[in-house]
Amino acid sequence: MVVPRHLSKMEEIWKDIVGYEGEYQTSSFGRIRSLKSHKIMRTHRKELRYDIVHFCKKGIGKRRRNNKHRKLSHEQVVQIKSDLKDGVSLTQTGRNFGVVTSTISEIAHGRTWKNII
């Protein structure tokens, strides 16, 4: 992934990926790196929507697919659904979790995070 010119002057900030702490990190530019190999990982585009990265967890040979654009954790979605049931508006819930209202709407209508009741 080539860093766009307008981002090249900014400092790239790296943070651990939840559930893969000490193994993989994501950057403020949207890149993913392996801490074991110290390499930037390749992304794959699926259905022209988002870039997908495949990585393994602690030597388990199984590949797990993770969307690097995911902004919410399982626990946050549980809290979002609870807040919505308690009457908190979509807009306020979005502000509380730092995501746009459409993301909250997708969760509320069961189009995303269907596995969480």
PDB file of N, CA and C in Angstrom:
ATOM      1  N   MET A   1       0.839  -1.176   0.000  1.00  0.00           N
ATOM      2  CA  MET A   1       0.000   0.000   0.000  1.00  0.00           C
ATOM      3  C   MET A   1       0.877   1.230   0.000  1.00  0.00           C
ATOM      4  N   VAL A   2       0.662   2.096  -0.934  1.00  0.00           N
ATOM      5  CA  VAL A   2       1.410   3.337  -1.017  1.00  0.00           C
ATOM      6  C   VAL A   2       0.688   4.377  -0.177  1.00  0.00           C
ATOM      7  N   VAL A   3       1.429   5.094   0.632  1.00  0.00           N
ATOM      8  CA  VAL A   3       0.836   6.123   1.473  1.00  0.00           C
ATOM      9  C   VAL A   3       0.576   7.351   0.615  1.00  0.00           C
ATOM     10  N   PRO A   4      -0.673   7.855   0.581  1.00  0.00           N
ATOM     11  CA  PRO A   4      -0.987   9.041  -0.215  1.00  0.00           C
ATOM     12  C   PRO A   4      -0.137  10.231   0.194  1.00  0.00           C
ATOM     13  N   ARG A   5       0.144  11.095  -0.762  1.00  0.00           N
ATOM     14  CA  ARG A   5       1.026  12.245  -0.545  1.00  0.00           C
ATOM     15  C   ARG A   5       0.562  13.103   0.630  1.00  0.00           C
ATOM     16  N   HIS A   6      -0.751  13.351   0.746  1.00  0.00           N
ATOM     17  CA  HIS A   6      -1.240  14.227   1.813  1.00  0.00           C
ATOM     18  C   HIS A   6      -1.058  13.603   3.199  1.00  0.00           C
ATOM     19  N   LEU A   7      -0.861  12.280   3.279  1.00  0.00           N
ATOM     20  CA  LEU A   7      -0.625  11.620   4.565  1.00  0.00           C
ATOM     21  C   LEU A   7       0.851  11.436   4.874  1.00  0.00           C
ATOM     22  N   SER A   8       1.686  11.548   3.854  1.00  0.00           N
ATOM     23  CA  SER A   8       3.107  11.236   4.027  1.00  0.00           C
ATOM     24  C   SER A   8       3.809  12.165   5.010  1.00  0.00           C
ATOM     25  N   LYS A   9       3.277  13.348   5.236  1.00  0.00           N
ATOM     26  CA  LYS A   9       3.897  14.279   6.176  1.00  0.00           C
ATOM     27  C   LYS A   9       3.402  14.069   7.601  1.00  0.00           C
ATOM     28  N   MET A  10       2.350  13.256   7.754  1.00  0.00           N
ATOM     29  CA  MET A  10       1.803  12.981   9.075  1.00  0.00           C
ATOM     30  C   MET A  10       2.538  11.801   9.711  1.00  0.00           C
ATOM     31  N   GLU A  11       2.534  11.757  11.031  1.00  0.00           N
ATOM     32  CA  GLU A  11       3.142  10.624  11.733  1.00  0.00           C
ATOM     33  C   GLU A  11       2.170   9.446  11.717  1.00  0.00           C
ATOM     34  N   GLU A  12       2.682   8.289  11.349  1.00  0.00           N
ATOM     35  CA  GLU A  12       1.861   7.084  11.335  1.00  0.00           C
ATOM     36  C   GLU A  12       1.849   6.519  12.757  1.00  0.00           C
ATOM     37  N   ILE A  13       0.648   6.345  13.304  1.00  0.00           N
ATOM     38  CA  ILE A  13       0.495   5.856  14.671  1.00  0.00           C
ATOM     39  C   ILE A  13       0.002   4.410  14.610  1.00  0.00           C
ATOM     40  N   TRP A  14       0.669   3.522  15.344  1.00  0.00           N
ATOM     41  CA  TRP A  14       0.334   2.088  15.350  1.00  0.00           C
ATOM     42  C   TRP A  14      -0.302   1.706  16.675  1.00  0.00           C
ATOM     43  N   LYS A  15      -1.378   0.900  16.598  1.00  0.00           N
ATOM     44  CA  LYS A  15      -2.049   0.396  17.810  1.00  0.00           C
ATOM     45  C   LYS A  15      -2.334  -1.092  17.634  1.00  0.00           C
ATOM     46  N   ASP A  16      -2.321  -1.819  18.764  1.00  0.00           N
ATOM     47  CA  ASP A  16      -2.642  -3.246  18.737  1.00  0.00           C
ATOM     48  C   ASP A  16      -4.075  -3.464  18.267  1.00  0.00           C
ATOM     49  N   ILE A  17      -4.300  -4.574  17.577  1.00  0.00           N
ATOM     50  CA  ILE A  17      -5.641  -4.970  17.152  1.00  0.00           C
ATOM     51  C   ILE A  17      -6.251  -5.778  18.289  1.00  0.00           C
ATOM     52  N   VAL A  18      -7.457  -5.402  18.692  1.00  0.00           N
ATOM     53  CA  VAL A  18      -8.142  -6.067  19.803  1.00  0.00           C
ATOM     54  C   VAL A  18      -8.283  -7.560  19.493  1.00  0.00           C
ATOM     55  N   GLY A  19      -7.872  -8.384  20.449  1.00  0.00           N
ATOM     56  CA  GLY A  19      -7.920  -9.833  20.276  1.00  0.00           C
ATOM     57  C   GLY A  19      -6.633 -10.399  19.690  1.00  0.00           C
ATOM     58  N   TYR A  20      -5.779  -9.529  19.170  1.00  0.00           N
ATOM     59  CA  TYR A  20      -4.510  -9.950  18.566  1.00  0.00           C
ATOM     60  C   TYR A  20      -3.367  -9.092  19.111  1.00  0.00           C
ATOM     61  N   GLU A  21      -3.501  -8.635  20.356  1.00  0.00           N
ATOM     62  CA  GLU A  21      -2.492  -7.797  20.981  1.00  0.00           C
ATOM     63  C   GLU A  21      -1.136  -8.493  20.971  1.00  0.00           C
ATOM     64  N   GLY A  22      -0.101  -7.760  20.628  1.00  0.00           N
ATOM     65  CA  GLY A  22       1.247  -8.311  20.584  1.00  0.00           C
ATOM     66  C   GLY A  22       1.537  -9.123  19.342  1.00  0.00           C
ATOM     67  N   GLU A  23       0.549  -9.283  18.466  1.00  0.00           N
ATOM     68  CA  GLU A  23       0.727 -10.054  17.239  1.00  0.00           C
ATOM     69  C   GLU A  23       0.564  -9.194  15.986  1.00  0.00           C
ATOM     70  N   TYR A  24      -0.467  -8.349  15.979  1.00  0.00           N
ATOM     71  CA  TYR A  24      -0.758  -7.507  14.813  1.00  0.00           C
ATOM     72  C   TYR A  24      -1.137  -6.113  15.272  1.00  0.00           C
ATOM     73  N   GLN A  25      -0.822  -5.129  14.423  1.00  0.00           N
ATOM     74  CA  GLN A  25      -1.194  -3.754  14.717  1.00  0.00           C
ATOM     75  C   GLN A  25      -1.785  -3.104  13.469  1.00  0.00           C
ATOM     76  N   THR A  26      -2.622  -2.095  13.692  1.00  0.00           N
ATOM     77  CA  THR A  26      -3.173  -1.298  12.604  1.00  0.00           C
ATOM     78  C   THR A  26      -2.678   0.131  12.771  1.00  0.00           C
ATOM     79  N   SER A  27      -2.522   0.823  11.661  1.00  0.00           N
ATOM     80  CA  SER A  27      -1.987   2.177  11.723  1.00  0.00           C
ATOM     81  C   SER A  27      -3.065   3.211  11.435  1.00  0.00           C
ATOM     82  N   SER A  28      -2.728   4.453  11.738  1.00  0.00           N
ATOM     83  CA  SER A  28      -3.638   5.562  11.464  1.00  0.00           C
ATOM     84  C   SER A  28      -3.836   5.754   9.967  1.00  0.00           C
ATOM     85  N   PHE A  29      -3.019   5.123   9.134  1.00  0.00           N
ATOM     86  CA  PHE A  29      -3.168   5.174   7.673  1.00  0.00           C
ATOM     87  C   PHE A  29      -3.965   3.975   7.152  1.00  0.00           C
ATOM     88  N   GLY A  30      -4.387   3.063   8.060  1.00  0.00           N
ATOM     89  CA  GLY A  30      -5.169   1.905   7.651  1.00  0.00           C
ATOM     90  C   GLY A  30      -4.343   0.697   7.255  1.00  0.00           C
ATOM     91  N   ARG A  31      -3.028   0.753   7.506  1.00  0.00           N
ATOM     92  CA  ARG A  31      -2.187  -0.398   7.174  1.00  0.00           C
ATOM     93  C   ARG A  31      -2.153  -1.366   8.352  1.00  0.00           C
ATOM     94  N   ILE A  32      -1.884  -2.643   8.059  1.00  0.00           N
ATOM     95  CA  ILE A  32      -1.795  -3.695   9.075  1.00  0.00           C
ATOM     96  C   ILE A  32      -0.382  -4.270   9.031  1.00  0.00           C
ATOM     97  N   ARG A  33       0.211  -4.495  10.201  1.00  0.00           N
ATOM     98  CA  ARG A  33       1.537  -5.116  10.226  1.00  0.00           C
ATOM     99  C   ARG A  33       1.568  -6.259  11.218  1.00  0.00           C
ATOM    100  N   SER A  34       2.408  -7.236  10.887  1.00  0.00           N
ATOM    101  CA  SER A  34       2.662  -8.364  11.762  1.00  0.00           C
ATOM    102  C   SER A  34       3.854  -8.008  12.636  1.00  0.00           C
ATOM    103  N   LEU A  35       3.718  -8.179  13.938  1.00  0.00           N
ATOM    104  CA  LEU A  35       4.843  -7.891  14.828  1.00  0.00           C
ATOM    105  C   LEU A  35       5.871  -9.011  14.802  1.00  0.00           C
ATOM    106  N   LYS A  36       5.438 -10.208  14.402  1.00  0.00           N
ATOM    107  CA  LYS A  36       6.357 -11.344  14.332  1.00  0.00           C
ATOM    108  C   LYS A  36       7.315 -11.194  13.145  1.00  0.00           C
ATOM    109  N   SER A  37       6.775 -10.890  11.975  1.00  0.00           N
ATOM    110  CA  SER A  37       7.608 -10.788  10.774  1.00  0.00           C
ATOM    111  C   SER A  37       8.054  -9.364  10.481  1.00  0.00           C
ATOM    112  N   HIS A  38       7.466  -8.380  11.171  1.00  0.00           N
ATOM    113  CA  HIS A  38       7.769  -6.965  10.966  1.00  0.00           C
ATOM    114  C   HIS A  38       7.472  -6.519   9.533  1.00  0.00           C
ATOM    115  N   LYS A  39       6.441  -7.118   8.924  1.00  0.00           N
ATOM    116  CA  LYS A  39       6.070  -6.781   7.556  1.00  0.00           C
ATOM    117  C   LYS A  39       4.672  -6.181   7.523  1.00  0.00           C
ATOM    118  N   ILE A  40       4.479  -5.280   6.551  1.00  0.00           N
ATOM    119  CA  ILE A  40       3.150  -4.755   6.271  1.00  0.00           C
ATOM    120  C   ILE A  40       2.410  -5.842   5.502  1.00  0.00           C
ATOM    121  N   MET A  41       1.186  -6.129   5.915  1.00  0.00           N
ATOM    122  CA  MET A  41       0.434  -7.227   5.310  1.00  0.00           C
ATOM    123  C   MET A  41      -0.333  -6.764   4.080  1.00  0.00           C
ATOM    124  N   ARG A  42      -0.466  -7.682   3.127  1.00  0.00           N
ATOM    125  CA  ARG A  42      -1.220  -7.406   1.914  1.00  0.00           C
ATOM    126  C   ARG A  42      -2.704  -7.459   2.207  1.00  0.00           C
ATOM    127  N   THR A  43      -3.440  -6.637   1.508  1.00  0.00           N
ATOM    128  CA  THR A  43      -4.892  -6.653   1.648  1.00  0.00           C
ATOM    129  C   THR A  43      -5.506  -7.225   0.379  1.00  0.00           C
ATOM    130  N   HIS A  44      -6.714  -7.727   0.519  1.00  0.00           N
ATOM    131  CA  HIS A  44      -7.463  -8.288  -0.599  1.00  0.00           C
ATOM    132  C   HIS A  44      -8.822  -7.609  -0.626  1.00  0.00           C
ATOM    133  N   ARG A  45      -9.243  -7.212  -1.797  1.00  0.00           N
ATOM    134  CA  ARG A  45     -10.542  -6.549  -1.907  1.00  0.00           C
ATOM    135  C   ARG A  45     -11.613  -7.584  -2.219  1.00  0.00           C
ATOM    136  N   LYS A  46     -12.683  -7.570  -1.448  1.00  0.00           N
ATOM    137  CA  LYS A  46     -13.789  -8.507  -1.645  1.00  0.00           C
ATOM    138  C   LYS A  46     -15.026  -7.724  -2.057  1.00  0.00           C
ATOM    139  N   GLU A  47     -15.577  -8.100  -3.170  1.00  0.00           N
ATOM    140  CA  GLU A  47     -16.808  -7.512  -3.685  1.00  0.00           C
ATOM    141  C   GLU A  47     -16.735  -5.992  -3.786  1.00  0.00           C
ATOM    142  N   LEU A  48     -15.549  -5.459  -4.071  1.00  0.00           N
ATOM    143  CA  LEU A  48     -15.350  -4.024  -4.278  1.00  0.00           C
ATOM    144  C   LEU A  48     -15.821  -3.164  -3.104  1.00  0.00           C
ATOM    145  N   ARG A  49     -15.796  -3.716  -1.894  1.00  0.00           N
ATOM    146  CA  ARG A  49     -16.260  -2.951  -0.739  1.00  0.00           C
ATOM    147  C   ARG A  49     -15.098  -2.510   0.144  1.00  0.00           C
ATOM    148  N   TYR A  50     -14.504  -3.432   0.856  1.00  0.00           N
ATOM    149  CA  TYR A  50     -13.435  -3.100   1.788  1.00  0.00           C
ATOM    150  C   TYR A  50     -12.238  -4.003   1.556  1.00  0.00           C
ATOM    151  N   ASP A  51     -11.078  -3.517   1.961  1.00  0.00           N
ATOM    152  CA  ASP A  51      -9.892  -4.353   1.926  1.00  0.00           C
ATOM    153  C   ASP A  51      -9.960  -5.320   3.100  1.00  0.00           C
ATOM    154  N   ILE A  52      -9.597  -6.578   2.854  1.00  0.00           N
ATOM    155  CA  ILE A  52      -9.624  -7.628   3.871  1.00  0.00           C
ATOM    156  C   ILE A  52      -8.195  -8.114   4.108  1.00  0.00           C
ATOM    157  N   VAL A  53      -7.865  -8.391   5.361  1.00  0.00           N
ATOM    158  CA  VAL A  53      -6.556  -8.922   5.729  1.00  0.00           C
ATOM    159  C   VAL A  53      -6.785 -10.267   6.410  1.00  0.00           C
ATOM    160  N   HIS A  54      -5.988 -11.273   6.061  1.00  0.00           N
ATOM    161  CA  HIS A  54      -6.060 -12.586   6.698  1.00  0.00           C
ATOM    162  C   HIS A  54      -4.887 -12.729   7.651  1.00  0.00           C
ATOM    163  N   PHE A  55      -5.165 -13.181   8.875  1.00  0.00           N
ATOM    164  CA  PHE A  55      -4.077 -13.478   9.786  1.00  0.00           C
ATOM    165  C   PHE A  55      -4.468 -14.556  10.771  1.00  0.00           C
ATOM    166  N   CYS A  56      -3.446 -15.159  11.388  1.00  0.00           N
ATOM    167  CA  CYS A  56      -3.642 -16.287  12.294  1.00  0.00           C
ATOM    168  C   CYS A  56      -3.403 -15.840  13.723  1.00  0.00           C
ATOM    169  N   LYS A  57      -3.916 -16.643  14.641  1.00  0.00           N
ATOM    170  CA  LYS A  57      -3.757 -16.331  16.052  1.00  0.00           C
ATOM    171  C   LYS A  57      -2.918 -17.395  16.744  1.00  0.00           C
ATOM    172  N   LYS A  58      -1.784 -16.989  17.300  1.00  0.00           N
ATOM    173  CA  LYS A  58      -0.896 -17.820  18.113  1.00  0.00           C
ATOM    174  C   LYS A  58      -0.680 -19.225  17.586  1.00  0.00           C
ATOM    175  N   GLY A  59      -0.244 -19.324  16.356  1.00  0.00           N
ATOM    176  CA  GLY A  59       0.147 -20.604  15.803  1.00  0.00           C
ATOM    177  C   GLY A  59      -0.987 -21.530  15.417  1.00  0.00           C
ATOM    178  N   ILE A  60      -2.219 -21.105  15.615  1.00  0.00           N
ATOM    179  CA  ILE A  60      -3.339 -21.925  15.164  1.00  0.00           C
ATOM    180  C   ILE A  60      -3.383 -21.760  13.656  1.00  0.00           C
ATOM    181  N   GLY A  61      -3.184 -22.829  12.933  1.00  0.00           N
ATOM    182  CA  GLY A  61      -3.048 -22.746  11.490  1.00  0.00           C
ATOM    183  C   GLY A  61      -4.273 -22.245  10.757  1.00  0.00           C
ATOM    184  N   LYS A  62      -5.326 -21.990  11.464  1.00  0.00           N
ATOM    185  CA  LYS A  62      -6.569 -21.546  10.845  1.00  0.00           C
ATOM    186  C   LYS A  62      -6.485 -20.061  10.491  1.00  0.00           C
ATOM    187  N   ARG A  63      -6.915 -19.746   9.290  1.00  0.00           N
ATOM    188  CA  ARG A  63      -6.938 -18.348   8.884  1.00  0.00           C
ATOM    189  C   ARG A  63      -8.235 -17.716   9.366  1.00  0.00           C
ATOM    190  N   ARG A  64      -8.117 -16.549   9.916  1.00  0.00           N
ATOM    191  CA  ARG A  64      -9.296 -15.825  10.381  1.00  0.00           C
ATOM    192  C   ARG A  64      -9.407 -14.543   9.576  1.00  0.00           C
ATOM    193  N   ARG A  65     -10.607 -14.233   9.137  1.00  0.00           N
ATOM    194  CA  ARG A  65     -10.802 -13.030   8.340  1.00  0.00           C
ATOM    195  C   ARG A  65     -11.265 -11.902   9.245  1.00  0.00           C
ATOM    196  N   ASN A  66     -10.592 -10.786   9.148  1.00  0.00           N
ATOM    197  CA  ASN A  66     -10.925  -9.632   9.962  1.00  0.00           C
ATOM    198  C   ASN A  66     -10.981  -8.394   9.094  1.00  0.00           C
ATOM    199  N   ASN A  67     -11.995  -7.615   9.308  1.00  0.00           N
ATOM    200  CA  ASN A  67     -12.169  -6.394   8.558  1.00  0.00           C
ATOM    201  C   ASN A  67     -11.421  -5.283   9.282  1.00  0.00           C
ATOM    202  N   LYS A  68     -10.411  -4.721   8.651  1.00  0.00           N
ATOM    203  CA  LYS A  68      -9.619  -3.703   9.329  1.00  0.00           C
ATOM    204  C   LYS A  68     -10.393  -2.410   9.534  1.00  0.00           C
ATOM    205  N   HIS A  69     -11.544  -2.280   8.871  1.00  0.00           N
ATOM    206  CA  HIS A  69     -12.346  -1.084   9.030  1.00  0.00           C
ATOM    207  C   HIS A  69     -13.305  -1.180  10.212  1.00  0.00           C
ATOM    208  N   ARG A  70     -13.338  -2.320  10.857  1.00  0.00           N
ATOM    209  CA  ARG A  70     -14.241  -2.500  11.994  1.00  0.00           C
ATOM    210  C   ARG A  70     -13.845  -1.530  13.089  1.00  0.00           C
ATOM    211  N   LYS A  71     -14.801  -0.741  13.524  1.00  0.00           N
ATOM    212  CA  LYS A  71     -14.531   0.269  14.541  1.00  0.00           C
ATOM    213  C   LYS A  71     -15.091  -0.119  15.903  1.00  0.00           C
ATOM    214  N   LEU A  72     -15.998  -1.071  15.936  1.00  0.00           N
ATOM    215  CA  LEU A  72     -16.683  -1.427  17.168  1.00  0.00           C
ATOM    216  C   LEU A  72     -16.338  -2.836  17.613  1.00  0.00           C
ATOM    217  N   SER A  73     -16.226  -3.004  18.898  1.00  0.00           N
ATOM    218  CA  SER A  73     -16.001  -4.344  19.460  1.00  0.00           C
ATOM    219  C   SER A  73     -17.344  -5.000  19.748  1.00  0.00           C
ATOM    220  N   HIS A  74     -17.296  -6.289  20.013  1.00  0.00           N
ATOM    221  CA  HIS A  74     -18.491  -7.042  20.379  1.00  0.00           C
ATOM    222  C   HIS A  74     -19.180  -6.392  21.588  1.00  0.00           C
ATOM    223  N   GLU A  75     -18.403  -6.041  22.596  1.00  0.00           N
ATOM    224  CA  GLU A  75     -18.950  -5.453  23.813  1.00  0.00           C
ATOM    225  C   GLU A  75     -19.619  -4.112  23.536  1.00  0.00           C
ATOM    226  N   GLN A  76     -19.024  -3.319  22.634  1.00  0.00           N
ATOM    227  CA  GLN A  76     -19.619  -2.032  22.296  1.00  0.00           C
ATOM    228  C   GLN A  76     -20.963  -2.212  21.593  1.00  0.00           C
ATOM    229  N   VAL A  77     -21.062  -3.200  20.713  1.00  0.00           N
ATOM    230  CA  VAL A  77     -22.323  -3.438  20.003  1.00  0.00           C
ATOM    231  C   VAL A  77     -23.405  -3.892  20.984  1.00  0.00           C
ATOM    232  N   VAL A  78     -23.044  -4.714  21.958  1.00  0.00           N
ATOM    233  CA  VAL A  78     -24.004  -5.115  22.999  1.00  0.00           C
ATOM    234  C   VAL A  78     -24.512  -3.865  23.718  1.00  0.00           C
ATOM    235  N   GLN A  79     -23.597  -2.953  24.054  1.00  0.00           N
ATOM    236  CA  GLN A  79     -23.986  -1.711  24.745  1.00  0.00           C
ATOM    237  C   GLN A  79     -24.836  -0.829  23.842  1.00  0.00           C
ATOM    238  N   ILE A  80     -24.502  -0.750  22.558  1.00  0.00           N
ATOM    239  CA  ILE A  80     -25.290   0.042  21.603  1.00  0.00           C
ATOM    240  C   ILE A  80     -26.724  -0.480  21.548  1.00  0.00           C
ATOM    241  N   LYS A  81     -26.873  -1.793  21.427  1.00  0.00           N
ATOM    242  CA  LYS A  81     -28.217  -2.374  21.359  1.00  0.00           C
ATOM    243  C   LYS A  81     -28.988  -2.099  22.650  1.00  0.00           C
ATOM    244  N   SER A  82     -28.311  -2.148  23.778  1.00  0.00           N
ATOM    245  CA  SER A  82     -28.945  -1.844  25.060  1.00  0.00           C
ATOM    246  C   SER A  82     -29.374  -0.381  25.112  1.00  0.00           C
ATOM    247  N   ASP A  83     -28.489   0.531  24.683  1.00  0.00           N
ATOM    248  CA  ASP A  83     -28.813   1.960  24.674  1.00  0.00           C
ATOM    249  C   ASP A  83     -30.023   2.248  23.790  1.00  0.00           C
ATOM    250  N   LEU A  84     -30.069   1.612  22.622  1.00  0.00           N
ATOM    251  CA  LEU A  84     -31.188   1.826  21.700  1.00  0.00           C
ATOM    252  C   LEU A  84     -32.496   1.333  22.318  1.00  0.00           C
ATOM    253  N   LYS A  85     -32.453   0.195  23.010  1.00  0.00           N
ATOM    254  CA  LYS A  85     -33.659  -0.319  23.689  1.00  0.00           C
ATOM    255  C   LYS A  85     -34.110   0.628  24.796  1.00  0.00           C
ATOM    256  N   ASP A  86     -33.137   1.324  25.416  1.00  0.00           N
ATOM    257  CA  ASP A  86     -33.457   2.273  26.485  1.00  0.00           C
ATOM    258  C   ASP A  86     -33.911   3.623  25.953  1.00  0.00           C
ATOM    259  N   GLY A  87     -33.982   3.766  24.616  1.00  0.00           N
ATOM    260  CA  GLY A  87     -34.510   4.994  24.030  1.00  0.00           C
ATOM    261  C   GLY A  87     -33.496   6.042  23.628  1.00  0.00           C
ATOM    262  N   VAL A  88     -32.206   5.731  23.721  1.00  0.00           N
ATOM    263  CA  VAL A  88     -31.189   6.687  23.278  1.00  0.00           C
ATOM    264  C   VAL A  88     -31.269   6.781  21.749  1.00  0.00           C
ATOM    265  N   SER A  89     -31.213   7.991  21.215  1.00  0.00           N
ATOM    266  CA  SER A  89     -31.375   8.185  19.770  1.00  0.00           C
ATOM    267  C   SER A  89     -30.195   7.609  18.990  1.00  0.00           C
ATOM    268  N   LEU A  90     -30.432   7.347  17.705  1.00  0.00           N
ATOM    269  CA  LEU A  90     -29.369   6.851  16.826  1.00  0.00           C
ATOM    270  C   LEU A  90     -28.217   7.851  16.778  1.00  0.00           C
ATOM    271  N   THR A  91     -28.572   9.135  16.645  1.00  0.00           N
ATOM    272  CA  THR A  91     -27.544  10.181  16.542  1.00  0.00           C
ATOM    273  C   THR A  91     -26.695  10.243  17.799  1.00  0.00           C
ATOM    274  N   GLN A  92     -27.344  10.256  18.973  1.00  0.00           N
ATOM    275  CA  GLN A  92     -26.597  10.335  20.228  1.00  0.00           C
ATOM    276  C   GLN A  92     -25.748   9.090  20.447  1.00  0.00           C
ATOM    277  N   THR A  93     -26.286   7.938  20.106  1.00  0.00           N
ATOM    278  CA  THR A  93     -25.528   6.692  20.253  1.00  0.00           C
ATOM    279  C   THR A  93     -24.290   6.725  19.361  1.00  0.00           C
ATOM    280  N   GLY A  94     -24.451   7.199  18.138  1.00  0.00           N
ATOM    281  CA  GLY A  94     -23.305   7.334  17.230  1.00  0.00           C
ATOM    282  C   GLY A  94     -22.238   8.235  17.811  1.00  0.00           C
ATOM    283  N   ARG A  95     -22.658   9.357  18.366  1.00  0.00           N
ATOM    284  CA  ARG A  95     -21.700  10.288  18.992  1.00  0.00           C
ATOM    285  C   ARG A  95     -20.991   9.629  20.173  1.00  0.00           C
ATOM    286  N   ASN A  96     -21.769   8.889  20.980  1.00  0.00           N
ATOM    287  CA  ASN A  96     -21.189   8.230  22.164  1.00  0.00           C
ATOM    288  C   ASN A  96     -20.098   7.233  21.792  1.00  0.00           C
ATOM    289  N   PHE A  97     -20.232   6.585  20.623  1.00  0.00           N
ATOM    290  CA  PHE A  97     -19.284   5.541  20.228  1.00  0.00           C
ATOM    291  C   PHE A  97     -18.350   5.976  19.103  1.00  0.00           C
ATOM    292  N   GLY A  98     -18.451   7.221  18.674  1.00  0.00           N
ATOM    293  CA  GLY A  98     -17.535   7.750  17.672  1.00  0.00           C
ATOM    294  C   GLY A  98     -17.737   7.192  16.272  1.00  0.00           C
ATOM    295  N   VAL A  99     -18.987   6.839  15.942  1.00  0.00           N
ATOM    296  CA  VAL A  99     -19.298   6.338  14.607  1.00  0.00           C
ATOM    297  C   VAL A  99     -20.466   7.136  14.036  1.00  0.00           C
ATOM    298  N   VAL A 100     -20.657   7.047  12.738  1.00  0.00           N
ATOM    299  CA  VAL A 100     -21.728   7.791  12.092  1.00  0.00           C
ATOM    300  C   VAL A 100     -23.083   7.138  12.387  1.00  0.00           C
ATOM    301  N   THR A 101     -24.122   7.938  12.257  1.00  0.00           N
ATOM    302  CA  THR A 101     -25.484   7.472  12.546  1.00  0.00           C
ATOM    303  C   THR A 101     -25.870   6.273  11.693  1.00  0.00           C
ATOM    304  N   SER A 102     -25.406   6.240  10.439  1.00  0.00           N
ATOM    305  CA  SER A 102     -25.772   5.117   9.564  1.00  0.00           C
ATOM    306  C   SER A 102     -25.229   3.791  10.098  1.00  0.00           C
ATOM    307  N   THR A 103     -24.083   3.814  10.758  1.00  0.00           N
ATOM    308  CA  THR A 103     -23.534   2.598  11.361  1.00  0.00           C
ATOM    309  C   THR A 103     -24.470   2.101  12.459  1.00  0.00           C
ATOM    310  N   ILE A 104     -24.955   3.015  13.288  1.00  0.00           N
ATOM    311  CA  ILE A 104     -25.878   2.652  14.360  1.00  0.00           C
ATOM    312  C   ILE A 104     -27.191   2.145  13.767  1.00  0.00           C
ATOM    313  N   SER A 105     -27.655   2.781  12.707  1.00  0.00           N
ATOM    314  CA  SER A 105     -28.883   2.356  12.037  1.00  0.00           C
ATOM    315  C   SER A 105     -28.762   0.933  11.490  1.00  0.00           C
ATOM    316  N   GLU A 106     -27.612   0.619  10.892  1.00  0.00           N
ATOM    317  CA  GLU A 106     -27.382  -0.736  10.369  1.00  0.00           C
ATOM    318  C   GLU A 106     -27.456  -1.770  11.491  1.00  0.00           C
ATOM    319  N   ILE A 107     -26.911  -1.429  12.642  1.00  0.00           N
ATOM    320  CA  ILE A 107     -26.959  -2.329  13.800  1.00  0.00           C
ATOM    321  C   ILE A 107     -28.407  -2.457  14.296  1.00  0.00           C
ATOM    322  N   ALA A 108     -29.099  -1.326  14.413  1.00  0.00           N
ATOM    323  CA  ALA A 108     -30.466  -1.301  14.933  1.00  0.00           C
ATOM    324  C   ALA A 108     -31.426  -2.121  14.069  1.00  0.00           C
ATOM    325  N   HIS A 109     -31.206  -2.106  12.752  1.00  0.00           N
ATOM    326  CA  HIS A 109     -32.095  -2.810  11.836  1.00  0.00           C
ATOM    327  C   HIS A 109     -31.618  -4.227  11.504  1.00  0.00           C
ATOM    328  N   GLY A 110     -30.550  -4.671  12.168  1.00  0.00           N
ATOM    329  CA  GLY A 110     -30.082  -6.044  12.006  1.00  0.00           C
ATOM    330  C   GLY A 110     -29.369  -6.323  10.697  1.00  0.00           C
ATOM    331  N   ARG A 111     -28.886  -5.283  10.025  1.00  0.00           N
ATOM    332  CA  ARG A 111     -28.157  -5.496   8.769  1.00  0.00           C
ATOM    333  C   ARG A 111     -26.678  -5.787   9.022  1.00  0.00           C
ATOM    334  N   THR A 112     -26.178  -5.374  10.177  1.00  0.00           N
ATOM    335  CA  THR A 112     -24.818  -5.724  10.584  1.00  0.00           C
ATOM    336  C   THR A 112     -24.878  -6.228  12.028  1.00  0.00           C
ATOM    337  N   TRP A 113     -23.852  -6.968  12.423  1.00  0.00           N
ATOM    338  CA  TRP A 113     -23.765  -7.535  13.774  1.00  0.00           C
ATOM    339  C   TRP A 113     -25.022  -8.348  14.094  1.00  0.00           C
ATOM    340  N   LYS A 114     -25.487  -9.139  13.128  1.00  0.00           N
ATOM    341  CA  LYS A 114     -26.697  -9.954  13.294  1.00  0.00           C
ATOM    342  C   LYS A 114     -26.554 -10.998  14.391  1.00  0.00           C
ATOM    343  N   ASN A 115     -25.330 -11.417  14.650  1.00  0.00           N
ATOM    344  CA  ASN A 115     -25.092 -12.481  15.618  1.00  0.00           C
ATOM    345  C   ASN A 115     -25.261 -12.031  17.064  1.00  0.00           C
ATOM    346  N   ILE A 116     -25.405 -10.731  17.299  1.00  0.00           N
ATOM    347  CA  ILE A 116     -25.552 -10.222  18.660  1.00  0.00           C
ATOM    348  C   ILE A 116     -27.005  -9.850  18.890  1.00  0.00           C
ATOM    349  N   ILE A 117     -27.572 -10.408  19.936  1.00  0.00           N
ATOM    350  CA  ILE A 117     -29.000 -10.154  20.229  1.00  0.00           C
ATOM    351  C   ILE A 117     -29.137  -9.038  21.220  1.00  0.00           C
TER     352      ILE A 117
END
